[in-house]
Amino acid sequence: MKILMIIISYLLGSIPTAFIVMKLVKGIDIRKAGSGNVGGMNTYEVSGSKLLGFIVFVVDFLKGLFSVLLAKKFFPEDFLMIGLSTFFVVLGHCFSIWIGFKGGRGLATAFGSTITFVPAAFFIWALIWLAVYIRSKNIHLGNIWATLSAFILLVFNFNFFKKFLYPSTENFYEYFLVVLIVLGLIFIKHIEPLKEILSKTRLKKEV
């Protein structure tokens, strides 16, 4: 049953919302347009439609939410299993089997997954992102800083944050594993934007 839950989580995540919406509405392969990212932001940037971008974001969010709620239904007290469901639904979104293992950066789906599972992670990430974005006006820089900062805060404050886990766990290693693989996956999907940011920073210094 656990293996089946992992497969279902991956397949839910792998539904390429942005690809489907852009193909149906605009006749565009989003993998070959804009940043090539199969997510809400690139949908908005390529289509120029806030509505389409919002639709993609909401559906991707719901993929994560539904996956975790399903895992909670069958494994209500199993922190690790619900954590793995979170990871695999985000993995499916980032590397979809249906579009050549392309995908989005995982944020909307991770938000949906964590909001009823590790809500503290959701709010910490969002607050840090907002602070960085207000200062830098760079979405990707906000994503990167929020992801790294959330990882550090969550890992080094386990005894505090375990009170805000649903379900909770006393096993630090299970907790660490879930935080590492979920936030690690999101960070990996931001390596290219990070390279671009560093390259632009280096050019400015040289000028």
N, C-alpha and C. Protein backbone atom coordinates (compact mmCIF):
# COMPACT_ATOMS: atom_id res chain seq x y z
N MET A 1 0.83 -1.21 0.00
CA MET A 1 0.00 0.00 0.00
C MET A 1 0.87 1.26 0.00
N LYS A 2 1.99 1.21 0.73
CA LYS A 2 2.86 2.38 0.77
C LYS A 2 3.48 2.66 -0.60
N ILE A 3 3.89 1.60 -1.29
CA ILE A 3 4.46 1.77 -2.64
C ILE A 3 3.41 2.36 -3.56
N LEU A 4 2.17 1.89 -3.44
CA LEU A 4 1.08 2.40 -4.28
C LEU A 4 0.86 3.89 -4.00
N MET A 5 0.93 4.29 -2.72
CA MET A 5 0.74 5.69 -2.36
C MET A 5 1.83 6.56 -2.96
N ILE A 6 3.05 6.06 -2.98
CA ILE A 6 4.17 6.80 -3.57
C ILE A 6 3.95 6.97 -5.07
N ILE A 7 3.50 5.89 -5.73
CA ILE A 7 3.25 5.95 -7.17
C ILE A 7 2.13 6.94 -7.48
N ILE A 8 1.06 6.88 -6.69
CA ILE A 8 -0.07 7.81 -6.89
C ILE A 8 0.40 9.25 -6.70
N SER A 9 1.20 9.49 -5.68
CA SER A 9 1.71 10.85 -5.42
C SER A 9 2.52 11.35 -6.61
N TYR A 10 3.41 10.51 -7.11
CA TYR A 10 4.22 10.92 -8.26
C TYR A 10 3.35 11.22 -9.48
N LEU A 11 2.39 10.33 -9.75
CA LEU A 11 1.54 10.52 -10.93
C LEU A 11 0.66 11.76 -10.81
N LEU A 12 0.18 12.04 -9.60
CA LEU A 12 -0.58 13.29 -9.38
C LEU A 12 0.29 14.50 -9.69
N GLY A 13 1.49 14.48 -9.14
CA GLY A 13 2.41 15.59 -9.36
C GLY A 13 2.81 15.74 -10.81
N SER A 14 2.86 14.62 -11.53
CA SER A 14 3.37 14.64 -12.91
C SER A 14 2.37 15.21 -13.92
N ILE A 15 1.14 15.47 -13.50
CA ILE A 15 0.17 16.09 -14.42
C ILE A 15 0.72 17.47 -14.81
N PRO A 16 1.10 17.68 -16.07
CA PRO A 16 1.78 18.91 -16.47
C PRO A 16 0.79 20.04 -16.76
N THR A 17 0.29 20.64 -15.71
CA THR A 17 -0.78 21.63 -15.82
C THR A 17 -0.46 22.74 -16.82
N ALA A 18 0.70 23.35 -16.67
CA ALA A 18 1.06 24.48 -17.54
C ALA A 18 1.17 24.04 -19.00
N PHE A 19 1.73 22.86 -19.22
CA PHE A 19 1.86 22.34 -20.58
C PHE A 19 0.49 22.15 -21.21
N ILE A 20 -0.42 21.54 -20.46
CA ILE A 20 -1.77 21.27 -20.97
C ILE A 20 -2.52 22.57 -21.24
N VAL A 21 -2.49 23.50 -20.29
CA VAL A 21 -3.21 24.76 -20.43
C VAL A 21 -2.70 25.56 -21.62
N MET A 22 -1.38 25.66 -21.74
CA MET A 22 -0.80 26.46 -22.83
C MET A 22 -1.03 25.82 -24.19
N LYS A 23 -1.02 24.50 -24.25
CA LYS A 23 -1.30 23.80 -25.52
C LYS A 23 -2.75 24.01 -25.93
N LEU A 24 -3.66 23.87 -24.97
CA LEU A 24 -5.09 23.98 -25.28
C LEU A 24 -5.50 25.41 -25.61
N VAL A 25 -4.99 26.37 -24.84
CA VAL A 25 -5.45 27.75 -24.97
C VAL A 25 -4.64 28.54 -26.00
N LYS A 26 -3.33 28.32 -26.02
CA LYS A 26 -2.46 29.13 -26.87
C LYS A 26 -1.77 28.35 -27.99
N GLY A 27 -1.86 27.03 -27.94
CA GLY A 27 -1.19 26.22 -28.95
C GLY A 27 0.33 26.30 -28.84
N ILE A 28 0.83 26.56 -27.63
CA ILE A 28 2.27 26.74 -27.40
C ILE A 28 2.81 25.61 -26.53
N ASP A 29 3.99 25.11 -26.91
CA ASP A 29 4.71 24.16 -26.05
C ASP A 29 5.53 24.99 -25.07
N ILE A 30 5.08 25.06 -23.84
CA ILE A 30 5.71 25.95 -22.86
C ILE A 30 7.14 25.54 -22.54
N ARG A 31 7.49 24.31 -22.84
CA ARG A 31 8.87 23.87 -22.62
C ARG A 31 9.85 24.61 -23.53
N LYS A 32 9.30 25.15 -24.64
CA LYS A 32 10.15 25.83 -25.62
C LYS A 32 9.89 27.33 -25.66
N ALA A 33 9.24 27.84 -24.62
CA ALA A 33 8.91 29.27 -24.59
C ALA A 33 9.33 29.88 -23.26
N GLY A 34 9.72 31.13 -23.29
CA GLY A 34 10.13 31.81 -22.07
C GLY A 34 11.30 31.11 -21.42
N SER A 35 11.19 30.85 -20.13
CA SER A 35 12.26 30.17 -19.39
C SER A 35 12.25 28.66 -19.62
N GLY A 36 11.17 28.16 -20.24
CA GLY A 36 11.04 26.72 -20.43
C GLY A 36 10.48 26.01 -19.21
N ASN A 37 10.24 26.77 -18.15
CA ASN A 37 9.71 26.20 -16.91
C ASN A 37 8.23 25.89 -17.07
N VAL A 38 7.82 24.71 -16.64
CA VAL A 38 6.43 24.27 -16.80
C VAL A 38 5.67 24.59 -15.52
N GLY A 39 5.43 25.90 -15.31
CA GLY A 39 4.77 26.33 -14.09
C GLY A 39 3.96 27.59 -14.30
N GLY A 40 3.36 28.07 -13.22
CA GLY A 40 2.46 29.21 -13.29
C GLY A 40 3.13 30.50 -13.74
N MET A 41 4.35 30.77 -13.23
CA MET A 41 5.02 32.02 -13.57
C MET A 41 5.36 32.10 -15.04
N ASN A 42 5.90 31.02 -15.59
CA ASN A 42 6.24 31.04 -17.02
C ASN A 42 4.98 31.06 -17.87
N THR A 43 3.91 30.45 -17.39
CA THR A 43 2.62 30.52 -18.09
C THR A 43 2.18 31.97 -18.22
N TYR A 44 2.27 32.69 -17.12
CA TYR A 44 1.90 34.11 -17.12
C TYR A 44 2.81 34.92 -18.04
N GLU A 45 4.12 34.70 -17.93
CA GLU A 45 5.07 35.48 -18.72
C GLU A 45 4.93 35.23 -20.21
N VAL A 46 4.68 33.98 -20.60
CA VAL A 46 4.57 33.65 -22.01
C VAL A 46 3.22 34.06 -22.59
N SER A 47 2.15 33.82 -21.83
CA SER A 47 0.80 34.11 -22.33
C SER A 47 0.39 35.56 -22.12
N GLY A 48 1.01 36.22 -21.13
CA GLY A 48 0.59 37.58 -20.78
C GLY A 48 -0.73 37.60 -20.04
N SER A 49 -1.20 36.44 -19.61
CA SER A 49 -2.49 36.33 -18.95
C SER A 49 -2.32 35.97 -17.48
N LYS A 50 -2.71 36.87 -16.59
CA LYS A 50 -2.67 36.58 -15.16
C LYS A 50 -3.62 35.45 -14.81
N LEU A 51 -4.75 35.39 -15.51
CA LEU A 51 -5.74 34.35 -15.24
C LEU A 51 -5.16 32.97 -15.51
N LEU A 52 -4.49 32.79 -16.66
CA LEU A 52 -3.91 31.48 -16.97
C LEU A 52 -2.82 31.12 -15.97
N GLY A 53 -1.99 32.09 -15.61
CA GLY A 53 -0.96 31.84 -14.62
C GLY A 53 -1.56 31.42 -13.28
N PHE A 54 -2.64 32.09 -12.90
CA PHE A 54 -3.31 31.79 -11.63
C PHE A 54 -3.94 30.40 -11.67
N ILE A 55 -4.56 30.06 -12.78
CA ILE A 55 -5.18 28.73 -12.92
C ILE A 55 -4.14 27.64 -12.76
N VAL A 56 -3.00 27.81 -13.42
CA VAL A 56 -1.93 26.82 -13.33
C VAL A 56 -1.43 26.71 -11.89
N PHE A 57 -1.23 27.85 -11.24
CA PHE A 57 -0.77 27.84 -9.85
C PHE A 57 -1.75 27.08 -8.96
N VAL A 58 -3.04 27.37 -9.09
CA VAL A 58 -4.04 26.75 -8.22
C VAL A 58 -4.10 25.24 -8.44
N VAL A 59 -4.09 24.80 -9.69
CA VAL A 59 -4.15 23.36 -9.97
C VAL A 59 -2.90 22.67 -9.43
N ASP A 60 -1.72 23.28 -9.63
CA ASP A 60 -0.49 22.69 -9.12
C ASP A 60 -0.50 22.65 -7.58
N PHE A 61 -1.05 23.67 -6.96
CA PHE A 61 -1.21 23.70 -5.50
C PHE A 61 -2.12 22.55 -5.06
N LEU A 62 -3.22 22.36 -5.76
CA LEU A 62 -4.18 21.32 -5.39
C LEU A 62 -3.61 19.92 -5.57
N LYS A 63 -2.71 19.74 -6.53
CA LYS A 63 -2.06 18.44 -6.71
C LYS A 63 -1.34 18.06 -5.41
N GLY A 64 -0.58 19.00 -4.87
CA GLY A 64 0.14 18.73 -3.62
C GLY A 64 -0.79 18.52 -2.45
N LEU A 65 -1.81 19.37 -2.35
CA LEU A 65 -2.76 19.26 -1.24
C LEU A 65 -3.49 17.92 -1.27
N PHE A 66 -3.98 17.53 -2.43
CA PHE A 66 -4.74 16.29 -2.53
C PHE A 66 -3.87 15.08 -2.23
N SER A 67 -2.62 15.11 -2.68
CA SER A 67 -1.71 13.99 -2.43
C SER A 67 -1.49 13.78 -0.94
N VAL A 68 -1.26 14.86 -0.20
CA VAL A 68 -1.02 14.74 1.24
C VAL A 68 -2.30 14.35 1.99
N LEU A 69 -3.42 14.92 1.59
CA LEU A 69 -4.68 14.55 2.24
C LEU A 69 -4.99 13.07 2.02
N LEU A 70 -4.66 12.56 0.84
CA LEU A 70 -4.87 11.14 0.55
C LEU A 70 -3.95 10.29 1.42
N ALA A 71 -2.69 10.70 1.53
CA ALA A 71 -1.74 9.96 2.37
C ALA A 71 -2.19 9.99 3.84
N LYS A 72 -2.72 11.13 4.28
CA LYS A 72 -3.19 11.23 5.66
C LYS A 72 -4.40 10.32 5.91
N LYS A 73 -5.20 10.14 4.90
CA LYS A 73 -6.40 9.28 5.05
C LYS A 73 -5.99 7.84 5.32
N PHE A 74 -4.96 7.36 4.62
CA PHE A 74 -4.56 5.96 4.75
C PHE A 74 -3.44 5.76 5.77
N PHE A 75 -2.65 6.80 6.03
CA PHE A 75 -1.55 6.69 6.99
C PHE A 75 -1.58 7.89 7.94
N PRO A 76 -2.65 8.04 8.71
CA PRO A 76 -2.88 9.27 9.49
C PRO A 76 -1.81 9.61 10.51
N GLU A 77 -1.08 8.62 11.01
CA GLU A 77 -0.07 8.89 12.04
C GLU A 77 1.36 8.64 11.55
N ASP A 78 1.50 8.39 10.26
CA ASP A 78 2.82 8.02 9.72
C ASP A 78 3.50 9.25 9.11
N PHE A 79 4.31 9.93 9.92
CA PHE A 79 4.97 11.15 9.47
C PHE A 79 5.83 10.89 8.24
N LEU A 80 6.62 9.83 8.26
CA LEU A 80 7.54 9.57 7.16
C LEU A 80 6.78 9.30 5.86
N MET A 81 5.71 8.54 5.94
CA MET A 81 4.94 8.22 4.73
C MET A 81 4.34 9.48 4.13
N ILE A 82 3.81 10.35 4.96
CA ILE A 82 3.23 11.60 4.46
C ILE A 82 4.33 12.50 3.90
N GLY A 83 5.49 12.46 4.55
CA GLY A 83 6.64 13.21 4.03
C GLY A 83 7.08 12.70 2.68
N LEU A 84 7.09 11.38 2.50
CA LEU A 84 7.46 10.81 1.20
C LEU A 84 6.42 11.15 0.14
N SER A 85 5.16 11.18 0.53
CA SER A 85 4.10 11.59 -0.40
C SER A 85 4.34 13.02 -0.86
N THR A 86 4.73 13.89 0.08
CA THR A 86 5.06 15.27 -0.25
C THR A 86 6.20 15.33 -1.26
N PHE A 87 7.25 14.57 -0.98
CA PHE A 87 8.42 14.57 -1.87
C PHE A 87 8.06 14.08 -3.26
N PHE A 88 7.32 12.97 -3.34
CA PHE A 88 7.07 12.37 -4.65
C PHE A 88 6.07 13.17 -5.49
N VAL A 89 5.13 13.86 -4.85
CA VAL A 89 4.23 14.70 -5.64
C VAL A 89 4.99 15.90 -6.21
N VAL A 90 5.93 16.44 -5.42
CA VAL A 90 6.77 17.53 -5.91
C VAL A 90 7.73 17.02 -6.98
N LEU A 91 8.28 15.83 -6.77
CA LEU A 91 9.16 15.23 -7.77
C LEU A 91 8.45 15.04 -9.10
N GLY A 92 7.20 14.57 -9.04
CA GLY A 92 6.41 14.39 -10.25
C GLY A 92 6.20 15.70 -10.98
N HIS A 93 5.95 16.76 -10.22
CA HIS A 93 5.76 18.08 -10.83
C HIS A 93 7.05 18.57 -11.49
N CYS A 94 8.17 18.37 -10.81
CA CYS A 94 9.46 18.85 -11.33
C CYS A 94 9.98 18.03 -12.49
N PHE A 95 9.69 16.75 -12.49
CA PHE A 95 10.19 15.84 -13.53
C PHE A 95 9.05 14.93 -13.98
N SER A 96 8.20 15.48 -14.84
CA SER A 96 7.00 14.75 -15.27
C SER A 96 7.32 13.71 -16.34
N ILE A 97 6.85 12.51 -16.10
CA ILE A 97 7.08 11.41 -17.05
C ILE A 97 6.37 11.67 -18.39
N TRP A 98 5.35 12.51 -18.39
CA TRP A 98 4.53 12.73 -19.59
C TRP A 98 5.14 13.73 -20.57
N ILE A 99 6.10 14.53 -20.11
CA ILE A 99 6.68 15.55 -21.00
C ILE A 99 8.21 15.48 -20.96
N GLY A 100 8.71 14.25 -21.05
CA GLY A 100 10.16 14.06 -21.14
C GLY A 100 10.90 14.44 -19.87
N PHE A 101 10.26 14.25 -18.72
CA PHE A 101 10.84 14.55 -17.41
C PHE A 101 11.22 16.02 -17.26
N LYS A 102 10.50 16.87 -17.98
CA LYS A 102 10.58 18.32 -17.74
C LYS A 102 9.53 18.67 -16.70
N GLY A 103 9.55 19.91 -16.23
CA GLY A 103 8.53 20.29 -15.25
C GLY A 103 8.76 21.67 -14.69
N GLY A 104 8.07 21.95 -13.60
CA GLY A 104 8.20 23.25 -12.95
C GLY A 104 9.25 23.20 -11.85
N ARG A 105 9.27 24.24 -11.04
CA ARG A 105 10.26 24.31 -9.96
C ARG A 105 9.71 23.81 -8.63
N GLY A 106 8.46 23.39 -8.61
CA GLY A 106 7.93 22.67 -7.46
C GLY A 106 7.30 23.49 -6.36
N LEU A 107 7.32 24.81 -6.46
CA LEU A 107 6.88 25.63 -5.34
C LEU A 107 5.38 25.54 -5.07
N ALA A 108 4.56 25.69 -6.11
CA ALA A 108 3.11 25.65 -5.90
C ALA A 108 2.69 24.30 -5.33
N THR A 109 3.25 23.23 -5.86
CA THR A 109 2.91 21.88 -5.39
C THR A 109 3.43 21.65 -3.97
N ALA A 110 4.60 22.17 -3.67
CA ALA A 110 5.13 22.06 -2.30
C ALA A 110 4.28 22.86 -1.32
N PHE A 111 3.79 24.03 -1.74
CA PHE A 111 2.90 24.80 -0.87
C PHE A 111 1.65 23.99 -0.53
N GLY A 112 1.04 23.39 -1.56
CA GLY A 112 -0.16 22.59 -1.33
C GLY A 112 0.09 21.41 -0.43
N SER A 113 1.28 20.81 -0.56
CA SER A 113 1.63 19.64 0.25
C SER A 113 1.85 20.00 1.71
N THR A 114 2.52 21.12 1.94
CA THR A 114 2.95 21.43 3.31
C THR A 114 1.92 22.18 4.13
N ILE A 115 0.93 22.78 3.50
CA ILE A 115 0.04 23.68 4.24
C ILE A 115 -0.77 22.96 5.33
N THR A 116 -1.05 21.66 5.15
CA THR A 116 -1.75 20.92 6.20
C THR A 116 -0.83 19.92 6.90
N PHE A 117 0.42 19.85 6.48
CA PHE A 117 1.38 18.86 7.00
C PHE A 117 2.45 19.54 7.85
N VAL A 118 3.13 20.52 7.25
CA VAL A 118 4.14 21.31 7.96
C VAL A 118 3.84 22.79 7.70
N PRO A 119 2.73 23.29 8.23
CA PRO A 119 2.34 24.67 7.92
C PRO A 119 3.39 25.70 8.32
N ALA A 120 4.18 25.41 9.35
CA ALA A 120 5.23 26.34 9.76
C ALA A 120 6.23 26.55 8.63
N ALA A 121 6.56 25.49 7.90
CA ALA A 121 7.50 25.60 6.78
C ALA A 121 6.93 26.51 5.71
N PHE A 122 5.64 26.36 5.44
CA PHE A 122 4.97 27.20 4.44
C PHE A 122 5.08 28.67 4.81
N PHE A 123 4.76 29.01 6.04
CA PHE A 123 4.74 30.41 6.45
C PHE A 123 6.15 31.00 6.58
N ILE A 124 7.09 30.20 7.08
CA ILE A 124 8.48 30.68 7.18
C ILE A 124 9.02 30.98 5.79
N TRP A 125 8.81 30.05 4.87
CA TRP A 125 9.29 30.23 3.50
C TRP A 125 8.68 31.49 2.90
N ALA A 126 7.37 31.65 3.05
CA ALA A 126 6.67 32.78 2.45
C ALA A 126 7.15 34.11 3.02
N LEU A 127 7.38 34.18 4.33
CA LEU A 127 7.82 35.43 4.97
C LEU A 127 9.23 35.81 4.52
N ILE A 128 10.12 34.82 4.48
CA ILE A 128 11.49 35.10 4.03
C ILE A 128 11.49 35.52 2.57
N TRP A 129 10.70 34.82 1.76
CA TRP A 129 10.61 35.18 0.35
C TRP A 129 10.15 36.62 0.18
N LEU A 130 9.13 37.00 0.93
CA LEU A 130 8.58 38.35 0.82
C LEU A 130 9.64 39.39 1.20
N ALA A 131 10.37 39.13 2.28
CA ALA A 131 11.40 40.07 2.73
C ALA A 131 12.49 40.24 1.68
N VAL A 132 12.94 39.13 1.10
CA VAL A 132 14.00 39.19 0.09
C VAL A 132 13.49 39.84 -1.19
N TYR A 133 12.27 39.51 -1.58
CA TYR A 133 11.72 40.07 -2.82
C TYR A 133 11.52 41.58 -2.70
N ILE A 134 11.03 42.04 -1.56
CA ILE A 134 10.82 43.48 -1.37
C ILE A 134 12.15 44.23 -1.53
N ARG A 135 13.21 43.62 -1.05
CA ARG A 135 14.53 44.27 -1.11
C ARG A 135 15.18 44.15 -2.49
N SER A 136 15.04 42.98 -3.13
CA SER A 136 15.78 42.72 -4.37
C SER A 136 14.95 42.83 -5.64
N LYS A 137 13.61 42.69 -5.51
CA LYS A 137 12.70 42.66 -6.65
C LYS A 137 13.03 41.52 -7.62
N ASN A 138 13.63 40.45 -7.07
CA ASN A 138 14.01 39.30 -7.89
C ASN A 138 13.32 38.05 -7.33
N ILE A 139 12.39 37.49 -8.10
CA ILE A 139 11.62 36.34 -7.65
C ILE A 139 12.51 35.14 -7.36
N HIS A 140 13.45 34.86 -8.26
CA HIS A 140 14.30 33.69 -8.08
C HIS A 140 15.22 33.83 -6.87
N LEU A 141 15.72 35.03 -6.66
CA LEU A 141 16.58 35.25 -5.49
C LEU A 141 15.77 35.02 -4.21
N GLY A 142 14.52 35.48 -4.22
CA GLY A 142 13.63 35.23 -3.09
C GLY A 142 13.41 33.75 -2.88
N ASN A 143 13.18 33.02 -3.96
CA ASN A 143 12.98 31.57 -3.87
C ASN A 143 14.18 30.87 -3.25
N ILE A 144 15.36 31.25 -3.72
CA ILE A 144 16.60 30.59 -3.27
C ILE A 144 16.87 30.89 -1.80
N TRP A 145 16.81 32.16 -1.43
CA TRP A 145 17.06 32.53 -0.03
C TRP A 145 16.03 31.91 0.90
N ALA A 146 14.77 31.92 0.49
CA ALA A 146 13.71 31.36 1.33
C ALA A 146 13.90 29.87 1.52
N THR A 147 14.30 29.17 0.47
CA THR A 147 14.50 27.72 0.54
C THR A 147 15.66 27.37 1.46
N LEU A 148 16.80 28.05 1.29
CA LEU A 148 17.97 27.78 2.13
C LEU A 148 17.71 28.17 3.59
N SER A 149 17.09 29.33 3.79
CA SER A 149 16.84 29.81 5.15
C SER A 149 15.84 28.92 5.88
N ALA A 150 14.79 28.50 5.15
CA ALA A 150 13.80 27.61 5.76
C ALA A 150 14.43 26.29 6.17
N PHE A 151 15.32 25.79 5.33
CA PHE A 151 16.01 24.53 5.67
C PHE A 151 16.78 24.67 6.97
N ILE A 152 17.56 25.73 7.09
CA ILE A 152 18.37 25.94 8.29
C ILE A 152 17.49 26.11 9.53
N LEU A 153 16.47 26.94 9.42
CA LEU A 153 15.59 27.19 10.57
C LEU A 153 14.84 25.94 11.00
N LEU A 154 14.34 25.19 10.04
CA LEU A 154 13.56 23.98 10.36
C LEU A 154 14.43 22.90 10.98
N VAL A 155 15.63 22.72 10.45
CA VAL A 155 16.51 21.66 10.95
C VAL A 155 17.04 21.97 12.35
N PHE A 156 17.45 23.21 12.57
CA PHE A 156 18.09 23.55 13.84
C PHE A 156 17.09 23.92 14.94
N ASN A 157 15.83 23.85 14.62
CA ASN A 157 14.81 24.14 15.63
C ASN A 157 13.75 23.03 15.68
N PHE A 158 14.23 21.80 15.57
CA PHE A 158 13.34 20.65 15.53
C PHE A 158 12.42 20.58 16.75
N ASN A 159 12.97 20.77 17.94
CA ASN A 159 12.17 20.65 19.16
C ASN A 159 11.03 21.67 19.22
N PHE A 160 11.24 22.80 18.58
CA PHE A 160 10.16 23.79 18.52
C PHE A 160 9.15 23.45 17.44
N PHE A 161 9.64 23.14 16.24
CA PHE A 161 8.73 22.95 15.11
C PHE A 161 7.98 21.63 15.14
N LYS A 162 8.46 20.64 15.90
CA LYS A 162 7.75 19.36 15.93
C LYS A 162 6.35 19.52 16.52
N LYS A 163 6.14 20.61 17.26
CA LYS A 163 4.81 20.89 17.82
C LYS A 163 3.83 21.33 16.74
N PHE A 164 4.35 21.69 15.57
CA PHE A 164 3.51 22.20 14.49
C PHE A 164 3.53 21.27 13.28
N LEU A 165 3.73 19.99 13.54
CA LEU A 165 3.69 18.97 12.49
C LEU A 165 2.38 18.20 12.62
N TYR A 166 1.76 17.89 11.49
CA TYR A 166 0.47 17.18 11.51
C TYR A 166 0.50 16.04 10.50
N PRO A 167 0.83 14.81 10.90
CA PRO A 167 1.11 14.35 12.26
C PRO A 167 2.53 14.73 12.70
N SER A 168 2.76 14.66 14.00
CA SER A 168 4.07 15.00 14.54
C SER A 168 4.97 13.76 14.57
N THR A 169 6.22 13.97 14.91
CA THR A 169 7.16 12.86 15.07
C THR A 169 8.19 13.24 16.13
N GLU A 170 8.69 12.25 16.84
CA GLU A 170 9.78 12.46 17.78
C GLU A 170 11.11 12.05 17.16
N ASN A 171 11.04 11.53 15.95
CA ASN A 171 12.24 11.01 15.27
C ASN A 171 12.88 12.13 14.44
N PHE A 172 13.98 12.68 14.93
CA PHE A 172 14.64 13.78 14.23
C PHE A 172 15.12 13.35 12.85
N TYR A 173 15.57 12.11 12.71
CA TYR A 173 16.15 11.67 11.44
C TYR A 173 15.09 11.57 10.34
N GLU A 174 13.88 11.14 10.71
CA GLU A 174 12.77 11.15 9.75
C GLU A 174 12.46 12.58 9.32
N TYR A 175 12.40 13.44 10.30
CA TYR A 175 12.11 14.85 10.06
C TYR A 175 13.17 15.48 9.16
N PHE A 176 14.43 15.25 9.50
CA PHE A 176 15.54 15.80 8.72
C PHE A 176 15.49 15.31 7.27
N LEU A 177 15.22 14.01 7.10
CA LEU A 177 15.15 13.44 5.76
C LEU A 177 14.09 14.12 4.92
N VAL A 178 12.90 14.30 5.48
CA VAL A 178 11.80 14.92 4.74
C VAL A 178 12.12 16.37 4.38
N VAL A 179 12.63 17.13 5.35
CA VAL A 179 13.00 18.53 5.09
C VAL A 179 14.08 18.59 4.02
N LEU A 180 15.07 17.71 4.12
CA LEU A 180 16.19 17.71 3.18
C LEU A 180 15.77 17.40 1.75
N ILE A 181 14.98 16.34 1.57
CA ILE A 181 14.67 15.93 0.20
C ILE A 181 13.67 16.88 -0.47
N VAL A 182 12.73 17.43 0.29
CA VAL A 182 11.75 18.34 -0.31
C VAL A 182 12.40 19.68 -0.65
N LEU A 183 13.06 20.31 0.33
CA LEU A 183 13.70 21.60 0.07
C LEU A 183 14.91 21.44 -0.84
N GLY A 184 15.59 20.29 -0.73
CA GLY A 184 16.72 20.02 -1.62
C GLY A 184 16.29 19.94 -3.07
N LEU A 185 15.15 19.31 -3.32
CA LEU A 185 14.63 19.21 -4.69
C LEU A 185 14.29 20.59 -5.25
N ILE A 186 13.66 21.41 -4.42
CA ILE A 186 13.32 22.77 -4.86
C ILE A 186 14.59 23.57 -5.16
N PHE A 187 15.61 23.40 -4.31
CA PHE A 187 16.87 24.12 -4.55
C PHE A 187 17.52 23.65 -5.85
N ILE A 188 17.53 22.36 -6.09
CA ILE A 188 18.12 21.82 -7.33
C ILE A 188 17.46 22.45 -8.56
N LYS A 189 16.14 22.63 -8.50
CA LYS A 189 15.42 23.23 -9.63
C LYS A 189 15.71 24.72 -9.77
N HIS A 190 16.41 25.30 -8.81
CA HIS A 190 16.77 26.72 -8.88
C HIS A 190 18.25 26.94 -9.14
N ILE A 191 18.97 25.88 -9.47
CA ILE A 191 20.41 26.02 -9.73
C ILE A 191 20.66 26.90 -10.96
N GLU A 192 19.88 26.69 -12.02
CA GLU A 192 20.08 27.51 -13.23
C GLU A 192 19.80 28.99 -12.97
N PRO A 193 18.67 29.34 -12.33
CA PRO A 193 18.46 30.76 -11.98
C PRO A 193 19.57 31.31 -11.08
N LEU A 194 20.09 30.47 -10.17
CA LEU A 194 21.17 30.91 -9.29
C LEU A 194 22.42 31.23 -10.11
N LYS A 195 22.72 30.39 -11.09
CA LYS A 195 23.88 30.65 -11.96
C LYS A 195 23.72 31.97 -12.70
N GLU A 196 22.49 32.23 -13.17
CA GLU A 196 22.22 33.49 -13.88
C GLU A 196 22.41 34.69 -12.96
N ILE A 197 21.93 34.59 -11.73
CA ILE A 197 22.07 35.67 -10.76
C ILE A 197 23.54 35.94 -10.47
N LEU A 198 24.31 34.87 -10.25
CA LEU A 198 25.74 35.02 -9.96
C LEU A 198 26.48 35.60 -11.16
N SER A 199 26.09 35.18 -12.36
CA SER A 199 26.73 35.70 -13.57
C SER A 199 26.47 37.19 -13.74
N LYS A 200 25.24 37.62 -13.51
CA LYS A 200 24.89 39.04 -13.61
C LYS A 200 25.61 39.86 -12.55
N THR A 201 25.72 39.29 -11.34
CA THR A 201 26.43 39.99 -10.25
C THR A 201 27.89 40.17 -10.60
N ARG A 202 28.51 39.14 -11.19
CA ARG A 202 29.91 39.20 -11.58
C ARG A 202 30.15 40.24 -12.67
N LEU A 203 29.22 40.30 -13.63
CA LEU A 203 29.32 41.27 -14.72
C LEU A 203 29.23 42.70 -14.19
N LYS A 204 28.33 42.92 -13.23
CA LYS A 204 28.18 44.25 -12.65
C LYS A 204 29.44 44.69 -11.96
N LYS A 205 30.09 43.75 -11.25
CA LYS A 205 31.33 44.07 -10.54
C LYS A 205 32.46 44.40 -11.53
N GLU A 206 32.47 43.68 -12.65
CA GLU A 206 33.51 43.92 -13.65
C GLU A 206 33.32 45.27 -14.33
N VAL A 207 32.06 45.65 -14.52
CA VAL A 207 31.76 46.95 -15.14
C VAL A 207 32.11 48.08 -14.19
